[in-house]
Amino acid sequence: MTPALEVLVATRDRPVELATALAGLAAQDHPFDVLVSDQSDGPPSYDTAPARAMMRVLEGAGHRVRTGRHLPRRGIAEHRAALLARSGARRVLFLDDDVWLEPGTVARLDEAIGDLRCGLVGAPMVGLSHLDDERPDELAAFERWPGRPEPEDVRPGTPAWERWRLHNAANPVHLARRHVRPGERHVAYKIAWVAGCVLYERAALEAVGGFAFWRDVPRDAVGEDVVAEQRVMARFGGAGILPSGAVHLESATTIPDRTITADSRLRR
């Protein structure tokens, strides 16, 4: 049966991080399936005792879990395109393999996208090692969506682009402390983009071409999430959600060269 929501995880050479991400999913009390796609140089990241244990927990709770290898590597944008092609879910949650979700996060995202009736919602990653590092200047761009998010064309050099600073370090925690009022399940706010944990309405993502642009960017390009999200937001609207509940594990990136960005190449 086609799931209403599927969590899509691209992974490479991160067995510890993947097991931790799966542990976060195993603690969620919400219906969803899981699809893990691996591009490791050696054994797949899901082929470890901790990862297998967490997948058994997920399956025991009624979640279908699928794993597989996707080689050769053609870049992260192509990997995301392949994940989307393998899923038939109405809503797809792209979760990075180095993000742990606190209980209730998937339910909050699913509830929010239904309430807001927009193309995507994202839970910004939090770097908890920066919890004592408050950055008031970076929080100044925060702005709630007063109702349903409107389509926005977010471009470099505009005030809207500067919202990316909202998600630095532990800024989402400090924002939540300032702006989430007692009794509020979620607060929707305006974004430039969100990294690491983004729930899409599949129809909206496919309407803008998904990640098919992978053919038009170099294999080593990063920023594929920026392109997909901003295309969805330009037609269907999108929002960040507080509180976040997405904890960045702060591991070293598996794509150390970040000089080539998909968004800059596609704007040429």
Protein backbone atom coordinates (compact mmCIF):
# COMPACT_ATOMS: atom_id res chain seq x y z
CA MET A 1 0.00 0.00 0.00
CA THR A 2 1.30 3.47 -0.88
CA PRO A 3 2.22 5.33 2.32
CA ALA A 4 0.91 8.80 3.07
CA LEU A 5 4.38 9.85 4.25
CA GLU A 6 7.81 8.38 3.65
CA VAL A 7 11.13 9.42 5.16
CA LEU A 8 13.89 9.44 2.54
CA VAL A 9 17.49 9.18 3.75
CA ALA A 10 20.54 9.42 1.51
CA THR A 11 23.68 8.15 3.24
CA ARG A 12 27.36 7.57 2.55
CA ASP A 13 30.10 6.30 4.90
CA ARG A 14 28.19 7.24 8.04
CA PRO A 15 27.28 4.09 9.97
CA VAL A 16 27.28 5.79 13.39
CA GLU A 17 25.30 8.79 12.24
CA LEU A 18 22.77 6.71 10.31
CA ALA A 19 22.09 4.47 13.31
CA THR A 20 21.52 7.60 15.40
CA ALA A 21 19.17 9.07 12.79
CA LEU A 22 17.24 5.78 12.67
CA ALA A 23 17.01 5.82 16.48
CA GLY A 24 15.34 9.23 16.23
CA LEU A 25 12.84 7.87 13.72
CA ALA A 26 12.20 4.82 15.89
CA ALA A 27 11.08 7.13 18.71
CA GLN A 28 8.43 8.86 16.57
CA ASP A 29 4.76 8.14 17.22
CA HIS A 30 3.39 8.79 13.74
CA PRO A 31 2.72 6.63 10.66
CA PHE A 32 5.40 6.72 7.96
CA ASP A 33 7.64 4.45 5.92
CA VAL A 34 11.43 4.71 5.64
CA LEU A 35 13.67 4.43 2.58
CA VAL A 36 17.46 4.47 3.03
CA SER A 37 19.71 4.74 -0.02
CA ASP A 38 23.44 4.17 0.42
CA GLN A 39 26.49 5.25 -1.59
CA SER A 40 29.27 4.20 0.79
CA ASP A 41 32.75 3.38 -0.46
CA GLY A 42 32.74 0.20 1.63
CA PRO A 43 29.90 -1.71 3.31
CA PRO A 44 26.62 0.20 3.39
CA SER A 45 26.05 2.41 6.41
CA TYR A 46 22.88 0.47 7.27
CA ASP A 47 24.80 -2.83 7.49
CA THR A 48 25.68 -2.54 11.19
CA ALA A 49 24.22 -4.11 14.31
CA PRO A 50 22.92 -0.77 15.71
CA ALA A 51 21.27 0.22 12.42
CA ARG A 52 19.68 -3.21 12.03
CA ALA A 53 18.39 -3.02 15.60
CA MET A 54 16.73 0.35 14.97
CA MET A 55 15.22 -0.90 11.72
CA ARG A 56 13.73 -3.84 13.62
CA VAL A 57 12.24 -1.40 16.13
CA LEU A 58 10.72 0.58 13.28
CA GLU A 59 9.32 -2.51 11.63
CA GLY A 60 7.95 -3.75 14.93
CA ALA A 61 6.04 -0.47 15.25
CA GLY A 62 4.47 -0.96 11.83
CA HIS A 63 6.80 1.13 9.67
CA ARG A 64 7.93 -0.38 6.37
CA VAL A 65 11.70 0.01 6.05
CA ARG A 66 13.51 -0.36 2.74
CA THR A 67 17.25 -0.15 2.12
CA GLY A 68 19.37 -0.31 -0.99
CA ARG A 69 22.56 0.74 -2.71
CA HIS A 70 22.59 3.46 -5.36
CA LEU A 71 25.80 3.42 -7.39
CA PRO A 72 27.69 4.81 -9.19
CA ARG A 73 27.66 8.20 -7.51
CA ARG A 74 26.48 11.05 -9.71
CA GLY A 75 26.15 13.71 -7.03
CA ILE A 76 23.80 14.42 -4.15
CA ALA A 77 21.14 16.00 -6.39
CA GLU A 78 20.95 12.81 -8.46
CA HIS A 79 20.82 10.74 -5.27
CA ARG A 80 17.83 12.73 -4.05
CA ALA A 81 16.18 12.37 -7.46
CA ALA A 82 16.62 8.61 -7.25
CA LEU A 83 15.11 8.50 -3.76
CA LEU A 84 12.09 10.46 -4.91
CA ALA A 85 11.65 8.15 -7.90
CA ARG A 86 11.59 5.09 -5.62
CA SER A 87 8.95 6.54 -3.31
CA GLY A 88 5.25 6.73 -4.08
CA ALA A 89 4.28 8.59 -0.92
CA ARG A 90 2.01 11.63 -1.03
CA ARG A 91 4.37 13.47 1.31
CA VAL A 92 8.14 12.91 1.41
CA LEU A 93 10.44 13.92 4.24
CA PHE A 94 14.05 14.32 3.12
CA LEU A 95 16.10 13.70 6.26
CA ASP A 96 19.88 13.99 6.27
CA ASP A 97 21.73 11.03 7.74
CA ASP A 98 23.32 13.22 10.44
CA VAL A 99 20.09 14.51 11.98
CA TRP A 100 18.39 13.09 15.09
CA LEU A 101 14.73 13.95 15.55
CA GLU A 102 13.23 14.40 18.98
CA PRO A 103 9.94 12.55 19.60
CA GLY A 104 6.95 14.23 18.00
CA THR A 105 8.87 16.03 15.25
CA VAL A 106 7.50 14.07 12.28
CA ALA A 107 3.93 14.43 13.57
CA ARG A 108 4.44 18.18 14.05
CA LEU A 109 5.76 18.60 10.51
CA ASP A 110 2.93 16.55 9.02
CA GLU A 111 0.35 18.49 11.00
CA ALA A 112 1.91 21.80 9.99
CA ILE A 113 1.98 21.16 6.25
CA GLY A 114 -1.66 20.10 6.41
CA ASP A 115 -2.67 23.18 8.38
CA LEU A 116 -0.66 25.59 6.25
CA ARG A 117 -1.59 24.08 2.87
CA CYS A 118 1.76 24.96 1.33
CA GLY A 119 4.40 23.10 -0.66
CA LEU A 120 6.91 22.39 2.08
CA VAL A 121 7.73 22.81 5.74
CA GLY A 122 11.14 22.38 7.30
CA ALA A 123 12.57 21.79 10.76
CA PRO A 124 15.88 23.69 10.93
CA MET A 125 18.87 21.76 12.23
CA VAL A 126 20.18 22.79 15.65
CA GLY A 127 23.84 22.63 16.65
CA LEU A 128 23.54 22.11 20.39
CA SER A 129 27.23 22.75 21.00
CA HIS A 130 26.36 26.41 20.32
CA LEU A 131 23.54 26.58 22.85
CA ASP A 132 25.25 29.35 24.84
CA ASP A 133 26.16 31.28 21.69
CA GLU A 134 23.29 33.73 21.27
CA ARG A 135 23.38 35.81 18.07
CA PRO A 136 20.74 38.57 18.25
CA ASP A 137 21.80 40.13 14.94
CA GLU A 138 21.16 36.85 13.11
CA LEU A 139 17.71 36.48 14.67
CA ALA A 140 16.51 39.90 13.47
CA ALA A 141 15.21 38.58 10.14
CA PHE A 142 12.63 36.36 11.85
CA GLU A 143 9.07 36.92 10.64
CA ARG A 144 6.03 34.77 11.28
CA TRP A 145 3.70 33.75 8.53
CA PRO A 146 0.39 35.26 9.70
CA GLY A 147 -1.62 32.64 7.81
CA ARG A 148 -1.08 30.38 4.84
CA PRO A 149 2.44 30.91 3.39
CA GLU A 150 2.35 32.86 0.15
CA PRO A 151 4.53 32.06 -2.86
CA GLU A 152 7.87 33.87 -2.67
CA ASP A 153 10.68 34.25 -5.18
CA VAL A 154 13.74 34.29 -2.92
CA ARG A 155 16.87 35.52 -4.68
CA PRO A 156 20.44 36.41 -3.63
CA GLY A 157 20.92 40.03 -2.68
CA THR A 158 17.39 40.45 -1.34
CA PRO A 159 16.41 40.78 2.34
CA ALA A 160 14.61 37.44 2.08
CA TRP A 161 17.87 35.69 1.18
CA GLU A 162 19.43 36.83 4.45
CA ARG A 163 17.00 34.64 6.37
CA TRP A 164 19.51 31.81 5.96
CA ARG A 165 21.25 33.22 9.05
CA LEU A 166 18.25 32.21 11.17
CA HIS A 167 19.47 28.63 11.03
CA ASN A 168 23.10 29.11 12.05
CA ALA A 169 24.43 27.34 15.14
CA ALA A 170 21.68 27.01 17.80
CA ASN A 171 19.64 29.94 16.49
CA PRO A 172 16.44 27.85 16.09
CA VAL A 173 16.46 27.13 19.84
CA HIS A 174 16.85 30.81 20.67
CA LEU A 175 14.11 31.70 18.18
CA ALA A 176 11.75 29.17 19.74
CA ARG A 177 12.37 30.61 23.19
CA ARG A 178 11.45 34.06 21.90
CA HIS A 179 8.55 33.28 19.61
CA VAL A 180 6.74 30.04 20.53
CA ARG A 181 3.90 30.96 22.86
CA PRO A 182 2.36 28.64 25.46
CA GLY A 183 -0.04 26.23 23.83
CA GLU A 184 1.26 26.69 20.28
CA ARG A 185 1.91 23.36 18.52
CA HIS A 186 3.99 24.98 15.82
CA VAL A 187 5.00 28.42 14.65
CA ALA A 188 5.42 28.92 10.89
CA TYR A 189 7.94 31.52 9.76
CA LYS A 190 9.49 32.86 6.57
CA ILE A 191 12.64 31.19 5.29
CA ALA A 192 15.27 31.37 2.58
CA TRP A 193 15.63 27.59 2.79
CA VAL A 194 15.97 24.86 5.41
CA ALA A 195 18.71 22.23 5.49
CA GLY A 196 18.55 18.67 6.74
CA CYS A 197 14.87 18.01 7.45
CA VAL A 198 12.27 19.10 4.89
CA LEU A 199 8.78 17.69 4.32
CA TYR A 200 7.34 18.21 0.83
CA GLU A 201 3.96 17.75 -0.69
CA ARG A 202 5.07 15.37 -3.40
CA ALA A 203 2.81 16.93 -6.02
CA ALA A 204 4.37 20.35 -5.39
CA LEU A 205 7.93 19.01 -5.62
CA GLU A 206 7.21 17.12 -8.82
CA ALA A 207 5.40 20.13 -10.33
CA VAL A 208 8.69 22.08 -10.27
CA GLY A 209 10.73 19.16 -11.59
CA GLY A 210 11.95 17.67 -8.33
CA PHE A 211 15.71 17.15 -8.49
CA ALA A 212 15.82 16.47 -12.22
CA PHE A 213 18.15 19.47 -12.54
CA TRP A 214 20.97 17.15 -11.43
CA ARG A 215 21.82 16.72 -15.11
CA ASP A 216 22.49 20.45 -15.40
CA VAL A 217 24.94 20.84 -12.51
CA PRO A 218 28.40 19.37 -11.84
CA ARG A 219 28.50 16.10 -9.96
CA ASP A 220 30.21 17.74 -6.97
CA ALA A 221 27.65 20.55 -6.66
CA VAL A 222 26.02 21.16 -3.28
CA GLY A 223 23.03 23.34 -2.47
CA GLU A 224 20.60 21.08 -4.31
CA ASP A 225 18.15 21.50 -1.44
CA VAL A 226 18.23 25.28 -1.92
CA VAL A 227 17.22 24.91 -5.57
CA ALA A 228 14.37 22.47 -4.96
CA GLU A 229 12.98 24.34 -1.97
CA GLN A 230 13.06 27.76 -3.58
CA ARG A 231 11.36 26.45 -6.70
CA VAL A 232 8.59 24.95 -4.57
CA MET A 233 8.28 28.12 -2.50
CA ALA A 234 8.02 30.28 -5.61
CA ARG A 235 4.88 28.41 -6.71
CA PHE A 236 3.34 26.92 -3.59
CA GLY A 237 4.82 28.69 -0.58
CA GLY A 238 6.82 27.17 2.24
CA ALA A 239 7.73 27.70 5.88
CA GLY A 240 10.11 26.82 8.65
CA ILE A 241 8.60 25.37 11.80
CA LEU A 242 9.38 26.08 15.45
CA PRO A 243 10.10 24.36 17.70
CA SER A 244 12.48 22.48 15.47
CA GLY A 245 13.20 19.11 17.07
CA ALA A 246 15.95 18.40 14.49
CA VAL A 247 19.36 18.03 16.14
CA HIS A 248 22.44 18.19 13.92
CA LEU A 249 24.99 15.58 14.98
CA GLU A 250 27.77 18.00 13.98
CA SER A 251 29.83 15.33 12.24
CA ALA A 252 32.28 16.25 9.51
CA THR A 253 30.63 16.63 6.12
CA THR A 254 31.03 13.87 3.54
CA ILE A 255 31.19 16.58 0.83
CA PRO A 256 34.14 18.73 1.97
CA ASP A 257 34.40 20.77 -1.24
CA ARG A 258 31.45 23.15 -1.04
CA THR A 259 32.65 25.73 -3.55
CA ILE A 260 30.34 24.60 -6.36
CA THR A 261 26.68 25.30 -5.59
CA ALA A 262 23.76 24.11 -7.68
CA ASP A 263 21.82 27.35 -7.25
CA SER A 264 24.65 29.53 -8.56
CA ARG A 265 25.22 27.27 -11.58
CA LEU A 266 21.55 27.22 -12.51
CA ARG A 267 21.25 31.02 -12.28
CA ARG A 268 23.93 31.55 -14.95
